[in-house]
Amino acid sequence: MAHTASNSKVFRIPRHFNWPLVGGGFALLALAMMMGRWGAVLDESHAYLGMARWLRGELPLAELQAPFSWRFGLPALAAALPGELHRVFATLNWLFVTATALLATATMRRLGFGTQRALAAGLLVILSLPTVWYAPGVLVDPASICMRMLFVFGLLTGRPGVALAAALAGTAIREEDILLLVWLAVDDDLRARIGRARMGAALVAALAWIAGVHIGMAPEEGAQSAISWAPDIAHLTALVTDWRGLLSLAVCAGFVLPLALAGLRDAPERIRPLRGLLLLMLLPSLYAALCAPADGRIVWSLYPFLLPFAVALGMPREAAQAPAVRQLRIARRA
């Protein structure tokens, strides 16, 4: 049995929920959405493939590309698995997309949003352009997004230890996910529940990981720089006139961003702290857009923080304050 924190505002719908059926359905639907571009190569895919090949001993360190070579976690996992790397990355990303959808559904159910809204959260993860276009490719974004969704699950369901583990794993995948740890560290209540020593150790470990990868992956003769991280007027002009990137942003925003913006008004109090987290996690994406080509992945990376607001749209105010479900200290099987 799973135990929820007695002082957390976590609500469970007492009806039976067929998780194997939901998980299998999500997996099949995600596979159908992704199959057409299985193992596709996108802008920085060569860098991730190069990292995995270096780990397999097939490529010299000098041919790796920074900053993408600093995103060590997923290429290391792909390199450790058997099979052709394009397919390995695609398979891992399929699993991460499915897990993200399940986590989104589990989060909404535990918060008492109802079965339909919970399932809608998972479907919004899968039935989107990023799942069709980006997720099947050799990218690390699906793994990072999954860890962000796990972070939101832990945060909203009163399990800061889960949120801490997700933030650490996310940092190993994408360096900007260390901001999730910062969010936990600056919140007095969360820091106290995690423990100051444990929180400090997590921050030290994350910083040591980032520093170690930067130093170890960039010797004097290696790790060519693929991007200059200094904004300039020429890039800003190109960004405004890049119709493909702007179209990608608009389409990837899809239903999720408009629904989330509209749902801010109806959002229950217990998910409103996500507003500040959403703004914090938007900062690295905005800075990256000033230095590198921008596309719809800016919005996609924010899906875990947008989904709760999107499915809150239209919730009755009284239900938002006092959900018509039982509050259980010991959760029964969903």
C-alpha atoms as a PDB file:
ATOM      1  CA  MET A   1       0.000   0.000   0.000  1.00  0.00           C
ATOM      2  CA  ALA A   2       1.099   3.565  -0.710  1.00  0.00           C
ATOM      3  CA  HIS A   3       0.979   6.099   2.121  1.00  0.00           C
ATOM      4  CA  THR A   4       0.186   9.762   1.651  1.00  0.00           C
ATOM      5  CA  ALA A   5       1.302  12.507   3.997  1.00  0.00           C
ATOM      6  CA  SER A   6      -1.379  13.175   6.619  1.00  0.00           C
ATOM      7  CA  ASN A   7      -0.963  16.915   6.340  1.00  0.00           C
ATOM      8  CA  SER A   8      -1.090  17.024   2.521  1.00  0.00           C
ATOM      9  CA  LYS A   9      -4.155  18.087   0.574  1.00  0.00           C
ATOM     10  CA  VAL A  10      -4.265  14.920  -1.505  1.00  0.00           C
ATOM     11  CA  PHE A  11      -7.608  13.502  -2.552  1.00  0.00           C
ATOM     12  CA  ARG A  12      -8.345  10.099  -4.035  1.00  0.00           C
ATOM     13  CA  ILE A  13     -11.309   8.992  -6.104  1.00  0.00           C
ATOM     14  CA  PRO A  14     -12.443   5.767  -4.415  1.00  0.00           C
ATOM     15  CA  ARG A  15     -13.555   4.018  -7.619  1.00  0.00           C
ATOM     16  CA  HIS A  16     -11.408   1.301  -9.181  1.00  0.00           C
ATOM     17  CA  PHE A  17      -9.065   2.508 -11.919  1.00  0.00           C
ATOM     18  CA  ASN A  18      -7.610   0.040 -14.405  1.00  0.00           C
ATOM     19  CA  TRP A  19      -3.996   1.192 -14.600  1.00  0.00           C
ATOM     20  CA  PRO A  20      -2.760  -1.698 -16.811  1.00  0.00           C
ATOM     21  CA  LEU A  21      -5.426  -0.872 -19.392  1.00  0.00           C
ATOM     22  CA  VAL A  22      -4.667   2.867 -19.250  1.00  0.00           C
ATOM     23  CA  GLY A  23      -0.907   2.287 -19.413  1.00  0.00           C
ATOM     24  CA  GLY A  24      -1.224  -0.123 -22.339  1.00  0.00           C
ATOM     25  CA  GLY A  25      -3.536   2.262 -24.159  1.00  0.00           C
ATOM     26  CA  PHE A  26      -1.168   5.184 -23.661  1.00  0.00           C
ATOM     27  CA  ALA A  27       1.794   3.084 -24.828  1.00  0.00           C
ATOM     28  CA  LEU A  28       0.044   1.927 -28.003  1.00  0.00           C
ATOM     29  CA  LEU A  29      -1.232   5.409 -28.800  1.00  0.00           C
ATOM     30  CA  ALA A  30       2.212   6.942 -28.263  1.00  0.00           C
ATOM     31  CA  LEU A  31       3.761   4.257 -30.471  1.00  0.00           C
ATOM     32  CA  ALA A  32       1.267   5.001 -33.236  1.00  0.00           C
ATOM     33  CA  MET A  33       2.013   8.727 -32.991  1.00  0.00           C
ATOM     34  CA  MET A  34       5.788   8.236 -33.052  1.00  0.00           C
ATOM     35  CA  MET A  35       6.304   5.370 -35.485  1.00  0.00           C
ATOM     36  CA  GLY A  36       6.423   7.527 -38.612  1.00  0.00           C
ATOM     37  CA  ARG A  37       9.644   9.275 -37.501  1.00  0.00           C
ATOM     38  CA  TRP A  38      11.248   6.506 -35.436  1.00  0.00           C
ATOM     39  CA  GLY A  39      14.903   7.372 -34.838  1.00  0.00           C
ATOM     40  CA  ALA A  40      14.760  10.680 -36.745  1.00  0.00           C
ATOM     41  CA  VAL A  41      17.817  12.945 -36.716  1.00  0.00           C
ATOM     42  CA  LEU A  42      17.194  16.560 -35.704  1.00  0.00           C
ATOM     43  CA  ASP A  43      19.424  19.581 -35.125  1.00  0.00           C
ATOM     44  CA  GLU A  44      21.542  18.363 -32.199  1.00  0.00           C
ATOM     45  CA  SER A  45      20.962  14.635 -32.670  1.00  0.00           C
ATOM     46  CA  HIS A  46      24.466  14.134 -34.072  1.00  0.00           C
ATOM     47  CA  ALA A  47      25.889  15.444 -30.801  1.00  0.00           C
ATOM     48  CA  TYR A  48      23.907  12.932 -28.712  1.00  0.00           C
ATOM     49  CA  LEU A  49      24.769  10.103 -31.074  1.00  0.00           C
ATOM     50  CA  GLY A  50      28.416  11.148 -30.875  1.00  0.00           C
ATOM     51  CA  MET A  51      28.294  11.064 -27.084  1.00  0.00           C
ATOM     52  CA  ALA A  52      26.829   7.555 -27.078  1.00  0.00           C
ATOM     53  CA  ARG A  53      29.367   6.370 -29.654  1.00  0.00           C
ATOM     54  CA  TRP A  54      32.215   7.829 -27.617  1.00  0.00           C
ATOM     55  CA  LEU A  55      30.949   5.928 -24.581  1.00  0.00           C
ATOM     56  CA  ARG A  56      30.894   2.765 -26.710  1.00  0.00           C
ATOM     57  CA  GLY A  57      34.477   3.466 -27.771  1.00  0.00           C
ATOM     58  CA  GLU A  58      33.559   4.205 -31.381  1.00  0.00           C
ATOM     59  CA  LEU A  59      34.425   7.937 -31.524  1.00  0.00           C
ATOM     60  CA  PRO A  60      37.254  10.122 -30.163  1.00  0.00           C
ATOM     61  CA  LEU A  61      36.450  12.719 -27.510  1.00  0.00           C
ATOM     62  CA  ALA A  62      37.707  15.539 -29.737  1.00  0.00           C
ATOM     63  CA  GLU A  63      34.752  15.087 -32.106  1.00  0.00           C
ATOM     64  CA  LEU A  64      32.060  15.726 -29.490  1.00  0.00           C
ATOM     65  CA  GLN A  65      30.078  18.955 -29.568  1.00  0.00           C
ATOM     66  CA  ALA A  66      29.469  21.207 -26.598  1.00  0.00           C
ATOM     67  CA  PRO A  67      27.104  22.143 -25.035  1.00  0.00           C
ATOM     68  CA  PHE A  68      25.152  19.035 -26.043  1.00  0.00           C
ATOM     69  CA  SER A  69      27.922  16.711 -24.869  1.00  0.00           C
ATOM     70  CA  TRP A  70      27.307  17.994 -21.349  1.00  0.00           C
ATOM     71  CA  ARG A  71      23.884  16.292 -21.345  1.00  0.00           C
ATOM     72  CA  PHE A  72      25.410  13.026 -20.309  1.00  0.00           C
ATOM     73  CA  GLY A  73      22.559  11.074 -18.713  1.00  0.00           C
ATOM     74  CA  LEU A  74      20.432   9.776 -21.588  1.00  0.00           C
ATOM     75  CA  PRO A  75      23.301   9.135 -24.067  1.00  0.00           C
ATOM     76  CA  ALA A  76      25.012   7.127 -21.312  1.00  0.00           C
ATOM     77  CA  LEU A  77      21.866   5.039 -20.841  1.00  0.00           C
ATOM     78  CA  ALA A  78      21.497   4.560 -24.607  1.00  0.00           C
ATOM     79  CA  ALA A  79      25.149   3.549 -24.933  1.00  0.00           C
ATOM     80  CA  ALA A  80      24.718   0.909 -22.229  1.00  0.00           C
ATOM     81  CA  LEU A  81      21.791  -0.745 -24.028  1.00  0.00           C
ATOM     82  CA  PRO A  82      22.206  -3.116 -26.982  1.00  0.00           C
ATOM     83  CA  GLY A  83      21.067  -2.190 -30.440  1.00  0.00           C
ATOM     84  CA  GLU A  84      21.452   0.461 -33.107  1.00  0.00           C
ATOM     85  CA  LEU A  85      21.572   3.858 -31.410  1.00  0.00           C
ATOM     86  CA  HIS A  86      18.857   5.605 -33.427  1.00  0.00           C
ATOM     87  CA  ARG A  87      16.375   2.905 -32.455  1.00  0.00           C
ATOM     88  CA  VAL A  88      17.583   2.786 -28.863  1.00  0.00           C
ATOM     89  CA  PHE A  89      17.004   6.524 -28.423  1.00  0.00           C
ATOM     90  CA  ALA A  90      13.563   6.278 -30.032  1.00  0.00           C
ATOM     91  CA  THR A  91      12.573   3.356 -27.798  1.00  0.00           C
ATOM     92  CA  LEU A  92      13.709   5.161 -24.660  1.00  0.00           C
ATOM     93  CA  ASN A  93      11.823   8.280 -25.698  1.00  0.00           C
ATOM     94  CA  TRP A  94       8.675   6.234 -26.320  1.00  0.00           C
ATOM     95  CA  LEU A  95       8.908   4.854 -22.795  1.00  0.00           C
ATOM     96  CA  PHE A  96       9.450   8.327 -21.364  1.00  0.00           C
ATOM     97  CA  VAL A  97       6.473   9.765 -23.254  1.00  0.00           C
ATOM     98  CA  THR A  98       4.266   6.936 -21.976  1.00  0.00           C
ATOM     99  CA  ALA A  99       5.544   7.420 -18.420  1.00  0.00           C
ATOM    100  CA  THR A 100       4.902  11.172 -18.638  1.00  0.00           C
ATOM    101  CA  ALA A 101       1.300  10.553 -19.693  1.00  0.00           C
ATOM    102  CA  LEU A 102       0.791   8.099 -16.824  1.00  0.00           C
ATOM    103  CA  LEU A 103       2.315  10.504 -14.316  1.00  0.00           C
ATOM    104  CA  ALA A 104       0.101  13.326 -15.559  1.00  0.00           C
ATOM    105  CA  THR A 105      -2.974  11.119 -15.116  1.00  0.00           C
ATOM    106  CA  ALA A 106      -1.844   9.898 -11.694  1.00  0.00           C
ATOM    107  CA  THR A 107      -1.212  13.453 -10.509  1.00  0.00           C
ATOM    108  CA  MET A 108      -4.659  14.657 -11.512  1.00  0.00           C
ATOM    109  CA  ARG A 109      -6.381  11.622  -9.963  1.00  0.00           C
ATOM    110  CA  ARG A 110      -4.591  12.057  -6.664  1.00  0.00           C
ATOM    111  CA  LEU A 111      -5.667  15.687  -6.600  1.00  0.00           C
ATOM    112  CA  GLY A 112      -9.314  14.702  -7.063  1.00  0.00           C
ATOM    113  CA  PHE A 113      -9.776  16.155 -10.542  1.00  0.00           C
ATOM    114  CA  GLY A 114     -11.906  13.204 -11.636  1.00  0.00           C
ATOM    115  CA  THR A 115     -11.309  10.373 -14.076  1.00  0.00           C
ATOM    116  CA  GLN A 116     -12.112  12.312 -17.239  1.00  0.00           C
ATOM    117  CA  ARG A 117      -9.812  15.219 -16.434  1.00  0.00           C
ATOM    118  CA  ALA A 118      -7.066  12.832 -15.317  1.00  0.00           C
ATOM    119  CA  LEU A 119      -7.238  10.888 -18.569  1.00  0.00           C
ATOM    120  CA  ALA A 120      -7.346  14.157 -20.510  1.00  0.00           C
ATOM    121  CA  ALA A 121      -4.041  15.184 -18.931  1.00  0.00           C
ATOM    122  CA  GLY A 122      -2.386  11.996 -20.189  1.00  0.00           C
ATOM    123  CA  LEU A 123      -3.919  12.328 -23.633  1.00  0.00           C
ATOM    124  CA  LEU A 124      -2.711  15.915 -23.939  1.00  0.00           C
ATOM    125  CA  VAL A 125       0.830  14.595 -23.456  1.00  0.00           C
ATOM    126  CA  ILE A 126       0.500  12.091 -26.298  1.00  0.00           C
ATOM    127  CA  LEU A 127      -1.856  13.786 -28.767  1.00  0.00           C
ATOM    128  CA  SER A 128       0.452  16.681 -29.552  1.00  0.00           C
ATOM    129  CA  LEU A 129       2.833  17.719 -32.297  1.00  0.00           C
ATOM    130  CA  PRO A 130       5.960  17.271 -30.102  1.00  0.00           C
ATOM    131  CA  THR A 131       5.107  13.590 -29.672  1.00  0.00           C
ATOM    132  CA  VAL A 132       4.817  13.186 -33.442  1.00  0.00           C
ATOM    133  CA  TRP A 133       7.743  15.317 -34.555  1.00  0.00           C
ATOM    134  CA  TYR A 134      10.334  15.552 -31.766  1.00  0.00           C
ATOM    135  CA  ALA A 135       9.821  12.585 -29.421  1.00  0.00           C
ATOM    136  CA  PRO A 136      10.772   9.867 -31.972  1.00  0.00           C
ATOM    137  CA  GLY A 137      14.071  11.621 -32.715  1.00  0.00           C
ATOM    138  CA  VAL A 138      17.489  11.312 -31.135  1.00  0.00           C
ATOM    139  CA  LEU A 139      16.861  13.894 -28.419  1.00  0.00           C
ATOM    140  CA  VAL A 140      16.998  14.060 -24.622  1.00  0.00           C
ATOM    141  CA  ASP A 141      13.891  16.237 -24.220  1.00  0.00           C
ATOM    142  CA  PRO A 142      11.375  13.416 -23.508  1.00  0.00           C
ATOM    143  CA  ALA A 143      13.494  12.145 -20.610  1.00  0.00           C
ATOM    144  CA  SER A 144      13.829  15.645 -19.135  1.00  0.00           C
ATOM    145  CA  ILE A 145      10.093  16.292 -19.502  1.00  0.00           C
ATOM    146  CA  CYS A 146       9.323  12.983 -17.786  1.00  0.00           C
ATOM    147  CA  MET A 147      11.503  13.939 -14.820  1.00  0.00           C
ATOM    148  CA  ARG A 148       9.762  17.316 -14.663  1.00  0.00           C
ATOM    149  CA  MET A 149       6.384  15.573 -14.614  1.00  0.00           C
ATOM    150  CA  LEU A 150       7.618  13.283 -11.838  1.00  0.00           C
ATOM    151  CA  PHE A 151       8.748  16.408  -9.970  1.00  0.00           C
ATOM    152  CA  VAL A 152       5.261  17.917 -10.289  1.00  0.00           C
ATOM    153  CA  PHE A 153       3.733  14.626  -9.132  1.00  0.00           C
ATOM    154  CA  GLY A 154       5.900  14.620  -6.016  1.00  0.00           C
ATOM    155  CA  LEU A 155       5.331  18.302  -5.348  1.00  0.00           C
ATOM    156  CA  LEU A 156       1.537  18.265  -5.653  1.00  0.00           C
ATOM    157  CA  THR A 157       0.914  14.941  -3.906  1.00  0.00           C
ATOM    158  CA  GLY A 158       2.932  15.747  -0.802  1.00  0.00           C
ATOM    159  CA  ARG A 159       6.019  13.660  -1.615  1.00  0.00           C
ATOM    160  CA  PRO A 160       8.996  16.036  -1.634  1.00  0.00           C
ATOM    161  CA  GLY A 161      11.421  13.100  -1.592  1.00  0.00           C
ATOM    162  CA  VAL A 162      10.076  12.000  -4.983  1.00  0.00           C
ATOM    163  CA  ALA A 163      10.419  15.578  -6.238  1.00  0.00           C
ATOM    164  CA  LEU A 164      14.014  15.674  -5.008  1.00  0.00           C
ATOM    165  CA  ALA A 165      14.908  12.425  -6.790  1.00  0.00           C
ATOM    166  CA  ALA A 166      13.261  13.660  -9.997  1.00  0.00           C
ATOM    167  CA  ALA A 167      15.187  16.937  -9.852  1.00  0.00           C
ATOM    168  CA  LEU A 168      18.492  15.099  -9.444  1.00  0.00           C
ATOM    169  CA  ALA A 169      17.736  12.736 -12.320  1.00  0.00           C
ATOM    170  CA  GLY A 170      16.591  15.650 -14.459  1.00  0.00           C
ATOM    171  CA  THR A 171      19.841  17.513 -13.794  1.00  0.00           C
ATOM    172  CA  ALA A 172      21.795  14.506 -15.077  1.00  0.00           C
ATOM    173  CA  ILE A 173      19.749  14.671 -18.289  1.00  0.00           C
ATOM    174  CA  ARG A 174      19.597  18.446 -18.864  1.00  0.00           C
ATOM    175  CA  GLU A 175      21.641  20.870 -16.816  1.00  0.00           C
ATOM    176  CA  GLU A 176      18.904  23.509 -16.487  1.00  0.00           C
ATOM    177  CA  ASP A 177      16.786  21.090 -14.439  1.00  0.00           C
ATOM    178  CA  ILE A 178      18.954  22.035 -11.479  1.00  0.00           C
ATOM    179  CA  LEU A 179      16.464  24.900 -11.109  1.00  0.00           C
ATOM    180  CA  LEU A 180      14.021  22.307  -9.758  1.00  0.00           C
ATOM    181  CA  LEU A 181      16.443  21.730  -6.893  1.00  0.00           C
ATOM    182  CA  VAL A 182      16.695  25.469  -6.369  1.00  0.00           C
ATOM    183  CA  TRP A 183      12.901  25.637  -6.123  1.00  0.00           C
ATOM    184  CA  LEU A 184      12.928  23.006  -3.374  1.00  0.00           C
ATOM    185  CA  ALA A 185      15.792  24.693  -1.555  1.00  0.00           C
ATOM    186  CA  VAL A 186      14.232  28.158  -1.337  1.00  0.00           C
ATOM    187  CA  ASP A 187      10.855  26.919  -0.082  1.00  0.00           C
ATOM    188  CA  ASP A 188      11.086  26.792   3.717  1.00  0.00           C
ATOM    189  CA  ASP A 189       8.382  24.151   4.155  1.00  0.00           C
ATOM    190  CA  LEU A 190       9.715  21.824   1.459  1.00  0.00           C
ATOM    191  CA  ARG A 191      13.299  22.238   2.652  1.00  0.00           C
ATOM    192  CA  ALA A 192      12.261  21.367   6.205  1.00  0.00           C
ATOM    193  CA  ARG A 193      10.348  18.272   5.103  1.00  0.00           C
ATOM    194  CA  ILE A 194      13.241  17.052   2.971  1.00  0.00           C
ATOM    195  CA  GLY A 195      15.817  17.881   5.631  1.00  0.00           C
ATOM    196  CA  ARG A 196      18.489  20.562   5.428  1.00  0.00           C
ATOM    197  CA  ALA A 197      21.351  18.093   5.268  1.00  0.00           C
ATOM    198  CA  ARG A 198      19.682  16.035   2.559  1.00  0.00           C
ATOM    199  CA  MET A 199      18.792  19.143   0.573  1.00  0.00           C
ATOM    200  CA  GLY A 200      22.340  20.486   0.847  1.00  0.00           C
ATOM    201  CA  ALA A 201      23.820  17.160  -0.217  1.00  0.00           C
ATOM    202  CA  ALA A 202      21.537  17.067  -3.266  1.00  0.00           C
ATOM    203  CA  LEU A 203      22.597  20.562  -4.342  1.00  0.00           C
ATOM    204  CA  VAL A 204      26.284  19.727  -3.881  1.00  0.00           C
ATOM    205  CA  ALA A 205      25.866  16.502  -5.854  1.00  0.00           C
ATOM    206  CA  ALA A 206      24.083  18.298  -8.704  1.00  0.00           C
ATOM    207  CA  LEU A 207      26.679  21.065  -8.891  1.00  0.00           C
ATOM    208  CA  ALA A 208      29.495  18.531  -8.730  1.00  0.00           C
ATOM    209  CA  TRP A 209      27.891  16.548 -11.550  1.00  0.00           C
ATOM    210  CA  ILE A 210      27.579  19.596 -13.804  1.00  0.00           C
ATOM    211  CA  ALA A 211      31.108  20.782 -13.047  1.00  0.00           C
ATOM    212  CA  GLY A 212      32.570  17.298 -13.496  1.00  0.00           C
ATOM    213  CA  VAL A 213      30.874  16.768 -16.861  1.00  0.00           C
ATOM    214  CA  HIS A 214      31.915  20.224 -18.091  1.00  0.00           C
ATOM    215  CA  ILE A 215      35.531  19.643 -17.099  1.00  0.00           C
ATOM    216  CA  GLY A 216      35.741  16.008 -18.109  1.00  0.00           C
ATOM    217  CA  MET A 217      34.037  16.478 -21.471  1.00  0.00           C
ATOM    218  CA  ALA A 218      35.943  19.593 -22.555  1.00  0.00           C
ATOM    219  CA  PRO A 219      39.693  18.998 -22.565  1.00  0.00           C
ATOM    220  CA  GLU A 220      41.825  21.444 -24.499  1.00  0.00           C
ATOM    221  CA  GLU A 221      41.791  19.372 -27.660  1.00  0.00           C
ATOM    222  CA  GLY A 222      38.154  18.269 -27.594  1.00  0.00           C
ATOM    223  CA  ALA A 223      34.479  19.190 -27.292  1.00  0.00           C
ATOM    224  CA  GLN A 224      33.991  21.604 -30.165  1.00  0.00           C
ATOM    225  CA  SER A 225      31.545  24.376 -29.431  1.00  0.00           C
ATOM    226  CA  ALA A 226      28.397  24.169 -31.535  1.00  0.00           C
ATOM    227  CA  ILE A 227      26.710  27.317 -30.185  1.00  0.00           C
ATOM    228  CA  SER A 228      27.896  30.677 -28.925  1.00  0.00           C
ATOM    229  CA  TRP A 229      25.916  31.437 -25.771  1.00  0.00           C
ATOM    230  CA  ALA A 230      26.012  35.201 -26.262  1.00  0.00           C
ATOM    231  CA  PRO A 231      22.880  36.942 -27.592  1.00  0.00           C
ATOM    232  CA  ASP A 232      23.400  39.316 -30.502  1.00  0.00           C
ATOM    233  CA  ILE A 233      21.238  41.538 -32.683  1.00  0.00           C
ATOM    234  CA  ALA A 234      21.744  39.410 -35.797  1.00  0.00           C
ATOM    235  CA  HIS A 235      20.397  36.334 -34.042  1.00  0.00           C
ATOM    236  CA  LEU A 236      17.403  38.234 -32.666  1.00  0.00           C
ATOM    237  CA  THR A 237      16.568  39.471 -36.157  1.00  0.00           C
ATOM    238  CA  ALA A 238      16.850  35.953 -37.553  1.00  0.00           C
ATOM    239  CA  LEU A 239      14.652  34.661 -34.732  1.00  0.00           C
ATOM    240  CA  VAL A 240      11.834  37.041 -35.610  1.00  0.00           C
ATOM    241  CA  THR A 241      11.998  36.175 -39.306  1.00  0.00           C
ATOM    242  CA  ASP A 242      12.354  32.398 -38.839  1.00  0.00           C
ATOM    243  CA  TRP A 243       8.834  31.400 -39.875  1.00  0.00           C
ATOM    244  CA  ARG A 244       9.544  27.685 -39.414  1.00  0.00           C
ATOM    245  CA  GLY A 245      10.573  28.190 -35.797  1.00  0.00           C
ATOM    246  CA  LEU A 246       7.623  30.485 -35.109  1.00  0.00           C
ATOM    247  CA  LEU A 247       5.230  28.005 -36.724  1.00  0.00           C
ATOM    248  CA  SER A 248       6.710  25.206 -34.623  1.00  0.00           C
ATOM    249  CA  LEU A 249       6.188  27.284 -31.482  1.00  0.00           C
ATOM    250  CA  ALA A 250       2.586  28.015 -32.391  1.00  0.00           C
ATOM    251  CA  VAL A 251       1.678  24.429 -33.289  1.00  0.00           C
ATOM    252  CA  CYS A 252       3.464  22.869 -30.296  1.00  0.00           C
ATOM    253  CA  ALA A 253       1.582  25.250 -28.022  1.00  0.00           C
ATOM    254  CA  GLY A 254      -1.472  23.538 -29.514  1.00  0.00           C
ATOM    255  CA  PHE A 255      -4.312  23.140 -27.093  1.00  0.00           C
ATOM    256  CA  VAL A 256      -2.144  22.927 -23.978  1.00  0.00           C
ATOM    257  CA  LEU A 257      -0.980  26.533 -23.664  1.00  0.00           C
ATOM    258  CA  PRO A 258      -4.361  28.198 -24.435  1.00  0.00           C
ATOM    259  CA  LEU A 259      -6.166  25.776 -22.130  1.00  0.00           C
ATOM    260  CA  ALA A 260      -3.639  26.378 -19.345  1.00  0.00           C
ATOM    261  CA  LEU A 261      -3.899  30.152 -19.645  1.00  0.00           C
ATOM    262  CA  ALA A 262      -7.685  29.926 -19.576  1.00  0.00           C
ATOM    263  CA  GLY A 263      -7.576  27.467 -16.669  1.00  0.00           C
ATOM    264  CA  LEU A 264      -5.526  29.744 -14.415  1.00  0.00           C
ATOM    265  CA  ARG A 265      -8.758  31.364 -13.213  1.00  0.00           C
ATOM    266  CA  ASP A 266     -10.374  28.058 -12.227  1.00  0.00           C
ATOM    267  CA  ALA A 267      -7.244  26.435 -10.782  1.00  0.00           C
ATOM    268  CA  PRO A 268      -7.626  25.042  -7.245  1.00  0.00           C
ATOM    269  CA  GLU A 269      -5.446  26.632  -4.619  1.00  0.00           C
ATOM    270  CA  ARG A 270      -3.350  23.497  -4.229  1.00  0.00           C
ATOM    271  CA  ILE A 271      -1.888  23.767  -7.761  1.00  0.00           C
ATOM    272  CA  ARG A 272      -1.344  27.522  -7.839  1.00  0.00           C
ATOM    273  CA  PRO A 273       2.287  27.309  -6.620  1.00  0.00           C
ATOM    274  CA  LEU A 274       3.040  25.888 -10.077  1.00  0.00           C
ATOM    275  CA  ARG A 275       2.648  29.386 -11.504  1.00  0.00           C
ATOM    276  CA  GLY A 276       5.932  30.505  -9.963  1.00  0.00           C
ATOM    277  CA  LEU A 277       7.637  27.254 -10.971  1.00  0.00           C
ATOM    278  CA  LEU A 278       6.402  27.722 -14.542  1.00  0.00           C
ATOM    279  CA  LEU A 279       7.971  31.174 -14.726  1.00  0.00           C
ATOM    280  CA  LEU A 280      11.238  29.906 -13.236  1.00  0.00           C
ATOM    281  CA  MET A 281      11.553  27.044 -15.734  1.00  0.00           C
ATOM    282  CA  LEU A 282      10.709  29.370 -18.607  1.00  0.00           C
ATOM    283  CA  LEU A 283      13.863  31.446 -17.999  1.00  0.00           C
ATOM    284  CA  PRO A 284      16.490  29.025 -19.427  1.00  0.00           C
ATOM    285  CA  SER A 285      14.327  28.406 -22.492  1.00  0.00           C
ATOM    286  CA  LEU A 286      13.977  32.124 -23.144  1.00  0.00           C
ATOM    287  CA  TYR A 287      17.724  32.668 -22.805  1.00  0.00           C
ATOM    288  CA  ALA A 288      18.457  29.728 -25.098  1.00  0.00           C
ATOM    289  CA  ALA A 289      16.089  31.243 -27.671  1.00  0.00           C
ATOM    290  CA  LEU A 290      18.251  34.381 -27.689  1.00  0.00           C
ATOM    291  CA  CYS A 291      21.345  32.364 -28.554  1.00  0.00           C
ATOM    292  CA  ALA A 292      20.211  29.388 -30.613  1.00  0.00           C
ATOM    293  CA  PRO A 293      17.445  28.566 -33.096  1.00  0.00           C
ATOM    294  CA  ALA A 294      14.096  28.394 -31.294  1.00  0.00           C
ATOM    295  CA  ASP A 295      11.334  25.882 -31.946  1.00  0.00           C
ATOM    296  CA  GLY A 296       8.316  24.338 -30.293  1.00  0.00           C
ATOM    297  CA  ARG A 297      10.375  22.480 -27.724  1.00  0.00           C
ATOM    298  CA  ILE A 298      10.355  25.673 -25.650  1.00  0.00           C
ATOM    299  CA  VAL A 299       6.641  25.106 -25.008  1.00  0.00           C
ATOM    300  CA  TRP A 300       6.950  21.315 -24.895  1.00  0.00           C
ATOM    301  CA  SER A 301       9.436  21.478 -22.021  1.00  0.00           C
ATOM    302  CA  LEU A 302       6.807  23.367 -19.987  1.00  0.00           C
ATOM    303  CA  TYR A 303       3.997  20.830 -20.479  1.00  0.00           C
ATOM    304  CA  PRO A 304       4.409  19.316 -16.973  1.00  0.00           C
ATOM    305  CA  PHE A 305       3.698  22.718 -15.402  1.00  0.00           C
ATOM    306  CA  LEU A 306       0.932  23.666 -17.855  1.00  0.00           C
ATOM    307  CA  LEU A 307      -1.121  20.450 -17.796  1.00  0.00           C
ATOM    308  CA  PRO A 308      -2.632  20.864 -14.298  1.00  0.00           C
ATOM    309  CA  PHE A 309      -3.955  24.300 -15.269  1.00  0.00           C
ATOM    310  CA  ALA A 310      -5.174  23.024 -18.648  1.00  0.00           C
ATOM    311  CA  VAL A 311      -7.327  20.284 -17.129  1.00  0.00           C
ATOM    312  CA  ALA A 312      -8.551  22.630 -14.364  1.00  0.00           C
ATOM    313  CA  LEU A 313     -10.435  24.707 -16.940  1.00  0.00           C
ATOM    314  CA  GLY A 314     -14.126  24.781 -16.124  1.00  0.00           C
ATOM    315  CA  MET A 315     -13.831  23.271 -12.651  1.00  0.00           C
ATOM    316  CA  PRO A 316     -16.647  24.568 -10.427  1.00  0.00           C
ATOM    317  CA  ARG A 317     -15.374  26.973  -7.832  1.00  0.00           C
ATOM    318  CA  GLU A 318     -16.879  24.971  -4.971  1.00  0.00           C
ATOM    319  CA  ALA A 319     -15.249  21.795  -6.295  1.00  0.00           C
ATOM    320  CA  ALA A 320     -11.962  23.623  -6.559  1.00  0.00           C
ATOM    321  CA  GLN A 321     -12.145  24.459  -2.869  1.00  0.00           C
ATOM    322  CA  ALA A 322     -13.680  21.234  -1.554  1.00  0.00           C
ATOM    323  CA  PRO A 323     -13.575  18.293  -4.002  1.00  0.00           C
ATOM    324  CA  ALA A 324     -16.478  15.888  -3.693  1.00  0.00           C
ATOM    325  CA  VAL A 325     -14.257  12.886  -3.005  1.00  0.00           C
ATOM    326  CA  ARG A 326     -13.057  11.264   0.146  1.00  0.00           C
ATOM    327  CA  GLN A 327      -9.741  12.303   1.655  1.00  0.00           C
ATOM    328  CA  LEU A 328      -7.822   9.157   2.545  1.00  0.00           C
ATOM    329  CA  ARG A 329      -4.779   9.022   4.775  1.00  0.00           C
ATOM    330  CA  ILE A 330      -4.006   5.535   3.498  1.00  0.00           C
ATOM    331  CA  ALA A 331      -4.551   5.339  -0.242  1.00  0.00           C
ATOM    332  CA  ARG A 332      -6.279   2.261  -1.539  1.00  0.00           C
ATOM    333  CA  ARG A 333      -5.415   0.681  -4.827  1.00  0.00           C
ATOM    334  CA  ALA A 334      -6.426   3.058  -7.640  1.00  0.00           C
END
